[in-house]
Amino acid sequence: MIFVMEKVIIAWSGGKDCTLAVNELARNDIMKLLLCWGLSLMAILHVMVLTEEEHLHNSYGQVYKQYCKRVPRYLGYPKKS
């Protein structure tokens, strides 16, 4: 937060060109943060799905295995029989 405040102070004292450069840096930082957040969320959800699939396989056995052959894990077209 202090770093962001320093950028804003520099932008206020540096004029229009400096303000545009600082805004571009801030935008890139936000995009990197969102990308990292999104990738982390996808990884966590994938681990959750794998854990749930293992539980369902242990609970339902062959019936669940047949179900997995027909249905995609996430999104997409159903698998051909």
PDB file of N, CA and C in Angstrom:
ATOM      1  N   MET A   1       0.823  -1.190   0.000  1.00  0.00           N
ATOM      2  CA  MET A   1       0.000   0.000   0.000  1.00  0.00           C
ATOM      3  C   MET A   1       0.862   1.246   0.000  1.00  0.00           C
ATOM      4  N   ILE A   2       1.954   1.219   0.745  1.00  0.00           N
ATOM      5  CA  ILE A   2       2.840   2.378   0.774  1.00  0.00           C
ATOM      6  C   ILE A   2       3.445   2.595  -0.597  1.00  0.00           C
ATOM      7  N   PHE A   3       3.789   1.489  -1.270  1.00  0.00           N
ATOM      8  CA  PHE A   3       4.369   1.602  -2.609  1.00  0.00           C
ATOM      9  C   PHE A   3       3.393   2.264  -3.571  1.00  0.00           C
ATOM     10  N   VAL A   4       2.124   1.866  -3.499  1.00  0.00           N
ATOM     11  CA  VAL A   4       1.102   2.466  -4.350  1.00  0.00           C
ATOM     12  C   VAL A   4       0.949   3.946  -4.018  1.00  0.00           C
ATOM     13  N   MET A   5       0.974   4.279  -2.739  1.00  0.00           N
ATOM     14  CA  MET A   5       0.851   5.680  -2.351  1.00  0.00           C
ATOM     15  C   MET A   5       2.028   6.489  -2.889  1.00  0.00           C
ATOM     16  N   GLU A   6       3.234   5.908  -2.872  1.00  0.00           N
ATOM     17  CA  GLU A   6       4.390   6.605  -3.414  1.00  0.00           C
ATOM     18  C   GLU A   6       4.221   6.862  -4.902  1.00  0.00           C
ATOM     19  N   LYS A   7       3.650   5.878  -5.642  1.00  0.00           N
ATOM     20  CA  LYS A   7       3.409   6.060  -7.079  1.00  0.00           C
ATOM     21  C   LYS A   7       2.446   7.212  -7.317  1.00  0.00           C
ATOM     22  N   VAL A   8       1.406   7.280  -6.507  1.00  0.00           N
ATOM     23  CA  VAL A   8       0.414   8.346  -6.664  1.00  0.00           C
ATOM     24  C   VAL A   8       1.042   9.699  -6.382  1.00  0.00           C
ATOM     25  N   ILE A   9       1.856   9.788  -5.348  1.00  0.00           N
ATOM     26  CA  ILE A   9       2.520  11.050  -5.013  1.00  0.00           C
ATOM     27  C   ILE A   9       3.452  11.464  -6.149  1.00  0.00           C
ATOM     28  N   ILE A  10       4.185  10.505  -6.696  1.00  0.00           N
ATOM     29  CA  ILE A  10       5.058  10.815  -7.829  1.00  0.00           C
ATOM     30  C   ILE A  10       4.224  11.296  -9.005  1.00  0.00           C
ATOM     31  N   ALA A  11       3.077  10.656  -9.237  1.00  0.00           N
ATOM     32  CA  ALA A  11       2.232  11.046 -10.354  1.00  0.00           C
ATOM     33  C   ALA A  11       1.700  12.469 -10.169  1.00  0.00           C
ATOM     34  N   TRP A  12       1.350  12.834  -8.953  1.00  0.00           N
ATOM     35  CA  TRP A  12       0.829  14.176  -8.713  1.00  0.00           C
ATOM     36  C   TRP A  12       1.899  15.237  -8.930  1.00  0.00           C
ATOM     37  N   SER A  13       3.135  14.912  -8.601  1.00  0.00           N
ATOM     38  CA  SER A  13       4.184  15.920  -8.721  1.00  0.00           C
ATOM     39  C   SER A  13       4.884  15.883 -10.065  1.00  0.00           C
ATOM     40  N   GLY A  14       4.655  14.847 -10.849  1.00  0.00           N
ATOM     41  CA  GLY A  14       5.426  14.674 -12.074  1.00  0.00           C
ATOM     42  C   GLY A  14       4.753  15.147 -13.341  1.00  0.00           C
ATOM     43  N   GLY A  15       3.535  15.541 -13.307  1.00  0.00           N
ATOM     44  CA  GLY A  15       2.868  16.009 -14.510  1.00  0.00           C
ATOM     45  C   GLY A  15       2.146  14.898 -15.249  1.00  0.00           C
ATOM     46  N   LYS A  16       1.633  15.245 -16.437  1.00  0.00           N
ATOM     47  CA  LYS A  16       0.774  14.346 -17.208  1.00  0.00           C
ATOM     48  C   LYS A  16       1.510  13.089 -17.675  1.00  0.00           C
ATOM     49  N   ASP A  17       2.708  13.215 -18.213  1.00  0.00           N
ATOM     50  CA  ASP A  17       3.442  12.055 -18.721  1.00  0.00           C
ATOM     51  C   ASP A  17       3.753  11.058 -17.609  1.00  0.00           C
ATOM     52  N   CYS A  18       4.138  11.560 -16.471  1.00  0.00           N
ATOM     53  CA  CYS A  18       4.443  10.695 -15.336  1.00  0.00           C
ATOM     54  C   CYS A  18       3.176   9.995 -14.844  1.00  0.00           C
ATOM     55  N   THR A  19       2.070  10.693 -14.854  1.00  0.00           N
ATOM     56  CA  THR A  19       0.804  10.116 -14.416  1.00  0.00           C
ATOM     57  C   THR A  19       0.420   8.948 -15.310  1.00  0.00           C
ATOM     58  N   LEU A  20       0.576   9.089 -16.616  1.00  0.00           N
ATOM     59  CA  LEU A  20       0.235   8.007 -17.541  1.00  0.00           C
ATOM     60  C   LEU A  20       1.129   6.799 -17.315  1.00  0.00           C
ATOM     61  N   ALA A  21       2.417   7.034 -17.087  1.00  0.00           N
ATOM     62  CA  ALA A  21       3.342   5.926 -16.846  1.00  0.00           C
ATOM     63  C   ALA A  21       2.992   5.198 -15.546  1.00  0.00           C
ATOM     64  N   VAL A  22       2.656   5.939 -14.515  1.00  0.00           N
ATOM     65  CA  VAL A  22       2.305   5.325 -13.236  1.00  0.00           C
ATOM     66  C   VAL A  22       1.006   4.553 -13.359  1.00  0.00           C
ATOM     67  N   ASN A  23       0.028   5.100 -14.071  1.00  0.00           N
ATOM     68  CA  ASN A  23      -1.236   4.396 -14.269  1.00  0.00           C
ATOM     69  C   ASN A  23      -1.014   3.091 -15.021  1.00  0.00           C
ATOM     70  N   GLU A  24      -0.122   3.102 -15.995  1.00  0.00           N
ATOM     71  CA  GLU A  24       0.184   1.887 -16.752  1.00  0.00           C
ATOM     72  C   GLU A  24       0.837   0.843 -15.846  1.00  0.00           C
ATOM     73  N   LEU A  25       1.751   1.259 -14.989  1.00  0.00           N
ATOM     74  CA  LEU A  25       2.379   0.330 -14.042  1.00  0.00           C
ATOM     75  C   LEU A  25       1.346  -0.262 -13.094  1.00  0.00           C
ATOM     76  N   ALA A  26       0.458   0.568 -12.584  1.00  0.00           N
ATOM     77  CA  ALA A  26      -0.577   0.085 -11.668  1.00  0.00           C
ATOM     78  C   ALA A  26      -1.499  -0.900 -12.375  1.00  0.00           C
ATOM     79  N   ARG A  27      -1.853  -0.617 -13.622  1.00  0.00           N
ATOM     80  CA  ARG A  27      -2.728  -1.506 -14.388  1.00  0.00           C
ATOM     81  C   ARG A  27      -2.045  -2.862 -14.590  1.00  0.00           C
ATOM     82  N   ASN A  28      -0.749  -2.847 -14.902  1.00  0.00           N
ATOM     83  CA  ASN A  28      -0.019  -4.107 -15.083  1.00  0.00           C
ATOM     84  C   ASN A  28       0.043  -4.897 -13.784  1.00  0.00           C
ATOM     85  N   ASP A  29       0.233  -4.210 -12.663  1.00  0.00           N
ATOM     86  CA  ASP A  29       0.265  -4.890 -11.372  1.00  0.00           C
ATOM     87  C   ASP A  29      -1.068  -5.554 -11.072  1.00  0.00           C
ATOM     88  N   ILE A  30      -2.151  -4.875 -11.366  1.00  0.00           N
ATOM     89  CA  ILE A  30      -3.484  -5.435 -11.134  1.00  0.00           C
ATOM     90  C   ILE A  30      -3.714  -6.644 -12.028  1.00  0.00           C
ATOM     91  N   MET A  31      -3.293  -6.559 -13.284  1.00  0.00           N
ATOM     92  CA  MET A  31      -3.475  -7.684 -14.204  1.00  0.00           C
ATOM     93  C   MET A  31      -2.665  -8.899 -13.744  1.00  0.00           C
ATOM     94  N   LYS A  32      -1.447  -8.671 -13.267  1.00  0.00           N
ATOM     95  CA  LYS A  32      -0.634  -9.774 -12.751  1.00  0.00           C
ATOM     96  C   LYS A  32      -1.296 -10.393 -11.521  1.00  0.00           C
ATOM     97  N   LEU A  33      -1.810  -9.557 -10.661  1.00  0.00           N
ATOM     98  CA  LEU A  33      -2.485 -10.039  -9.463  1.00  0.00           C
ATOM     99  C   LEU A  33      -3.711 -10.871  -9.828  1.00  0.00           C
ATOM    100  N   LEU A  34      -4.513 -10.398 -10.764  1.00  0.00           N
ATOM    101  CA  LEU A  34      -5.700 -11.139 -11.188  1.00  0.00           C
ATOM    102  C   LEU A  34      -5.328 -12.456 -11.855  1.00  0.00           C
ATOM    103  N   LEU A  35      -4.265 -12.446 -12.647  1.00  0.00           N
ATOM    104  CA  LEU A  35      -3.816 -13.678 -13.293  1.00  0.00           C
ATOM    105  C   LEU A  35      -3.365 -14.696 -12.253  1.00  0.00           C
ATOM    106  N   CYS A  36      -2.574 -14.269 -11.288  1.00  0.00           N
ATOM    107  CA  CYS A  36      -2.116 -15.172 -10.222  1.00  0.00           C
ATOM    108  C   CYS A  36      -3.289 -15.692  -9.408  1.00  0.00           C
ATOM    109  N   TRP A  37      -4.232 -14.810  -9.091  1.00  0.00           N
ATOM    110  CA  TRP A  37      -5.407 -15.212  -8.328  1.00  0.00           C
ATOM    111  C   TRP A  37      -6.214 -16.254  -9.107  1.00  0.00           C
ATOM    112  N   GLY A  38      -6.424 -16.008 -10.396  1.00  0.00           N
ATOM    113  CA  GLY A  38      -7.193 -16.932 -11.225  1.00  0.00           C
ATOM    114  C   GLY A  38      -6.530 -18.293 -11.347  1.00  0.00           C
ATOM    115  N   LEU A  39      -5.213 -18.301 -11.580  1.00  0.00           N
ATOM    116  CA  LEU A  39      -4.498 -19.570 -11.691  1.00  0.00           C
ATOM    117  C   LEU A  39      -4.502 -20.330 -10.363  1.00  0.00           C
ATOM    118  N   SER A  40      -4.358 -19.606  -9.282  1.00  0.00           N
ATOM    119  CA  SER A  40      -4.402 -20.257  -7.965  1.00  0.00           C
ATOM    120  C   SER A  40      -5.773 -20.860  -7.705  1.00  0.00           C
ATOM    121  N   LEU A  41      -6.806 -20.135  -8.040  1.00  0.00           N
ATOM    122  CA  LEU A  41      -8.169 -20.637  -7.849  1.00  0.00           C
ATOM    123  C   LEU A  41      -8.406 -21.893  -8.690  1.00  0.00           C
ATOM    124  N   MET A  42      -7.937 -21.875  -9.944  1.00  0.00           N
ATOM    125  CA  MET A  42      -8.103 -23.042 -10.808  1.00  0.00           C
ATOM    126  C   MET A  42      -7.378 -24.253 -10.231  1.00  0.00           C
ATOM    127  N   ALA A  43      -6.177 -24.047  -9.697  1.00  0.00           N
ATOM    128  CA  ALA A  43      -5.409 -25.153  -9.114  1.00  0.00           C
ATOM    129  C   ALA A  43      -6.117 -25.721  -7.879  1.00  0.00           C
ATOM    130  N   ILE A  44      -6.615 -24.851  -7.035  1.00  0.00           N
ATOM    131  CA  ILE A  44      -7.322 -25.290  -5.832  1.00  0.00           C
ATOM    132  C   ILE A  44      -8.579 -26.060  -6.197  1.00  0.00           C
ATOM    133  N   LEU A  45      -9.337 -25.548  -7.159  1.00  0.00           N
ATOM    134  CA  LEU A  45     -10.562 -26.238  -7.573  1.00  0.00           C
ATOM    135  C   LEU A  45     -10.253 -27.595  -8.198  1.00  0.00           C
ATOM    136  N   HIS A  46      -9.166 -27.681  -8.953  1.00  0.00           N
ATOM    137  CA  HIS A  46      -8.791 -28.959  -9.567  1.00  0.00           C
ATOM    138  C   HIS A  46      -8.468 -29.994  -8.487  1.00  0.00           C
ATOM    139  N   VAL A  47      -7.728 -29.583  -7.467  1.00  0.00           N
ATOM    140  CA  VAL A  47      -7.405 -30.498  -6.354  1.00  0.00           C
ATOM    141  C   VAL A  47      -8.683 -30.921  -5.641  1.00  0.00           C
ATOM    142  N   MET A  48      -9.619 -29.996  -5.464  1.00  0.00           N
ATOM    143  CA  MET A  48     -10.893 -30.340  -4.826  1.00  0.00           C
ATOM    144  C   MET A  48     -11.659 -31.370  -5.660  1.00  0.00           C
ATOM    145  N   VAL A  49     -11.674 -31.183  -6.981  1.00  0.00           N
ATOM    146  CA  VAL A  49     -12.384 -32.123  -7.850  1.00  0.00           C
ATOM    147  C   VAL A  49     -11.735 -33.499  -7.786  1.00  0.00           C
ATOM    148  N   LEU A  50     -10.402 -33.544  -7.824  1.00  0.00           N
ATOM    149  CA  LEU A  50      -9.716 -34.837  -7.745  1.00  0.00           C
ATOM    150  C   LEU A  50     -10.001 -35.551  -6.428  1.00  0.00           C
ATOM    151  N   THR A  51     -10.036 -34.794  -5.345  1.00  0.00           N
ATOM    152  CA  THR A  51     -10.339 -35.369  -4.038  1.00  0.00           C
ATOM    153  C   THR A  51     -11.764 -35.920  -3.999  1.00  0.00           C
ATOM    154  N   GLU A  52     -12.697 -35.147  -4.541  1.00  0.00           N
ATOM    155  CA  GLU A  52     -14.087 -35.596  -4.568  1.00  0.00           C
ATOM    156  C   GLU A  52     -14.254 -36.826  -5.451  1.00  0.00           C
ATOM    157  N   GLU A  53     -13.552 -36.842  -6.602  1.00  0.00           N
ATOM    158  CA  GLU A  53     -13.639 -38.007  -7.483  1.00  0.00           C
ATOM    159  C   GLU A  53     -13.120 -39.261  -6.791  1.00  0.00           C
ATOM    160  N   GLU A  54     -12.038 -39.126  -6.032  1.00  0.00           N
ATOM    161  CA  GLU A  54     -11.505 -40.274  -5.302  1.00  0.00           C
ATOM    162  C   GLU A  54     -12.523 -40.786  -4.276  1.00  0.00           C
ATOM    163  N   HIS A  55     -13.168 -39.859  -3.579  1.00  0.00           N
ATOM    164  CA  HIS A  55     -14.187 -40.243  -2.595  1.00  0.00           C
ATOM    165  C   HIS A  55     -15.357 -40.955  -3.282  1.00  0.00           C
ATOM    166  N   LEU A  56     -15.812 -40.411  -4.394  1.00  0.00           N
ATOM    167  CA  LEU A  56     -16.939 -41.019  -5.103  1.00  0.00           C
ATOM    168  C   LEU A  56     -16.561 -42.389  -5.658  1.00  0.00           C
ATOM    169  N   HIS A  57     -15.332 -42.506  -6.147  1.00  0.00           N
ATOM    170  CA  HIS A  57     -14.882 -43.814  -6.643  1.00  0.00           C
ATOM    171  C   HIS A  57     -14.857 -44.840  -5.510  1.00  0.00           C
ATOM    172  N   ASN A  58     -14.383 -44.424  -4.339  1.00  0.00           N
ATOM    173  CA  ASN A  58     -14.356 -45.336  -3.190  1.00  0.00           C
ATOM    174  C   ASN A  58     -15.766 -45.680  -2.715  1.00  0.00           C
ATOM    175  N   SER A  59     -16.703 -44.751  -2.842  1.00  0.00           N
ATOM    176  CA  SER A  59     -18.074 -44.974  -2.372  1.00  0.00           C
ATOM    177  C   SER A  59     -18.913 -45.795  -3.339  1.00  0.00           C
ATOM    178  N   TYR A  60     -18.768 -45.529  -4.656  1.00  0.00           N
ATOM    179  CA  TYR A  60     -19.663 -46.151  -5.635  1.00  0.00           C
ATOM    180  C   TYR A  60     -18.982 -47.151  -6.561  1.00  0.00           C
ATOM    181  N   GLY A  61     -17.666 -47.183  -6.559  1.00  0.00           N
ATOM    182  CA  GLY A  61     -16.925 -48.190  -7.312  1.00  0.00           C
ATOM    183  C   GLY A  61     -17.151 -48.159  -8.812  1.00  0.00           C
ATOM    184  N   GLN A  62     -17.550 -49.325  -9.349  1.00  0.00           N
ATOM    185  CA  GLN A  62     -17.673 -49.501 -10.799  1.00  0.00           C
ATOM    186  C   GLN A  62     -18.740 -48.593 -11.409  1.00  0.00           C
ATOM    187  N   VAL A  63     -19.816 -48.340 -10.688  1.00  0.00           N
ATOM    188  CA  VAL A  63     -20.880 -47.462 -11.208  1.00  0.00           C
ATOM    189  C   VAL A  63     -20.322 -46.068 -11.476  1.00  0.00           C
ATOM    190  N   TYR A  64     -19.524 -45.556 -10.564  1.00  0.00           N
ATOM    191  CA  TYR A  64     -18.937 -44.227 -10.753  1.00  0.00           C
ATOM    192  C   TYR A  64     -17.906 -44.244 -11.876  1.00  0.00           C
ATOM    193  N   LYS A  65     -17.174 -45.323 -12.001  1.00  0.00           N
ATOM    194  CA  LYS A  65     -16.180 -45.434 -13.080  1.00  0.00           C
ATOM    195  C   LYS A  65     -16.872 -45.393 -14.444  1.00  0.00           C
ATOM    196  N   GLN A  66     -17.999 -46.061 -14.580  1.00  0.00           N
ATOM    197  CA  GLN A  66     -18.770 -46.024 -15.826  1.00  0.00           C
ATOM    198  C   GLN A  66     -19.311 -44.612 -16.081  1.00  0.00           C
ATOM    199  N   TYR A  67     -19.749 -43.953 -15.035  1.00  0.00           N
ATOM    200  CA  TYR A  67     -20.240 -42.575 -15.151  1.00  0.00           C
ATOM    201  C   TYR A  67     -19.127 -41.657 -15.669  1.00  0.00           C
ATOM    202  N   CYS A  68     -17.913 -41.812 -15.135  1.00  0.00           N
ATOM    203  CA  CYS A  68     -16.784 -40.974 -15.567  1.00  0.00           C
ATOM    204  C   CYS A  68     -16.439 -41.185 -17.035  1.00  0.00           C
ATOM    205  N   LYS A  69     -16.675 -42.381 -17.544  1.00  0.00           N
ATOM    206  CA  LYS A  69     -16.401 -42.642 -18.964  1.00  0.00           C
ATOM    207  C   LYS A  69     -17.367 -41.894 -19.870  1.00  0.00           C
ATOM    208  N   ARG A  70     -18.580 -41.627 -19.380  1.00  0.00           N
ATOM    209  CA  ARG A  70     -19.608 -40.968 -20.194  1.00  0.00           C
ATOM    210  C   ARG A  70     -19.591 -39.447 -20.094  1.00  0.00           C
ATOM    211  N   VAL A  71     -19.145 -38.919 -18.958  1.00  0.00           N
ATOM    212  CA  VAL A  71     -19.314 -37.499 -18.658  1.00  0.00           C
ATOM    213  C   VAL A  71     -17.946 -36.810 -18.559  1.00  0.00           C
ATOM    214  N   PRO A  72     -17.788 -35.627 -19.175  1.00  0.00           N
ATOM    215  CA  PRO A  72     -16.518 -34.908 -19.047  1.00  0.00           C
ATOM    216  C   PRO A  72     -16.305 -34.387 -17.629  1.00  0.00           C
ATOM    217  N   ARG A  73     -15.050 -34.202 -17.258  1.00  0.00           N
ATOM    218  CA  ARG A  73     -14.735 -33.771 -15.885  1.00  0.00           C
ATOM    219  C   ARG A  73     -15.199 -32.344 -15.649  1.00  0.00           C
ATOM    220  N   TYR A  74     -14.950 -31.448 -16.559  1.00  0.00           N
ATOM    221  CA  TYR A  74     -15.289 -30.036 -16.339  1.00  0.00           C
ATOM    222  C   TYR A  74     -16.363 -29.590 -17.321  1.00  0.00           C
ATOM    223  N   LEU A  75     -15.957 -29.042 -18.413  1.00  0.00           N
ATOM    224  CA  LEU A  75     -16.891 -28.568 -19.427  1.00  0.00           C
ATOM    225  C   LEU A  75     -16.570 -29.246 -20.745  1.00  0.00           C
ATOM    226  N   GLY A  76     -17.537 -29.287 -21.615  1.00  0.00           N
ATOM    227  CA  GLY A  76     -17.270 -29.860 -22.924  1.00  0.00           C
ATOM    228  C   GLY A  76     -18.383 -30.774 -23.360  1.00  0.00           C
ATOM    229  N   TYR A  77     -18.126 -31.423 -24.464  1.00  0.00           N
ATOM    230  CA  TYR A  77     -19.093 -32.349 -25.014  1.00  0.00           C
ATOM    231  C   TYR A  77     -19.022 -33.668 -24.259  1.00  0.00           C
ATOM    232  N   PRO A  78     -20.157 -34.336 -24.102  1.00  0.00           N
ATOM    233  CA  PRO A  78     -20.139 -35.650 -23.471  1.00  0.00           C
ATOM    234  C   PRO A  78     -19.253 -36.616 -24.275  1.00  0.00           C
ATOM    235  N   LYS A  79     -18.605 -37.509 -23.592  1.00  0.00           N
ATOM    236  CA  LYS A  79     -17.736 -38.484 -24.254  1.00  0.00           C
ATOM    237  C   LYS A  79     -18.572 -39.479 -25.030  1.00  0.00           C
ATOM    238  N   LYS A  80     -18.020 -39.944 -26.144  1.00  0.00           N
ATOM    239  CA  LYS A  80     -18.730 -40.929 -26.961  1.00  0.00           C
ATOM    240  C   LYS A  80     -18.638 -42.292 -26.303  1.00  0.00           C
ATOM    241  N   SER A  81     -19.722 -43.040 -26.398  1.00  0.00           N
ATOM    242  CA  SER A  81     -19.766 -44.381 -25.782  1.00  0.00           C
ATOM    243  C   SER A  81     -19.022 -45.380 -26.598  1.00  0.00           C
TER     244      SER A  81
END
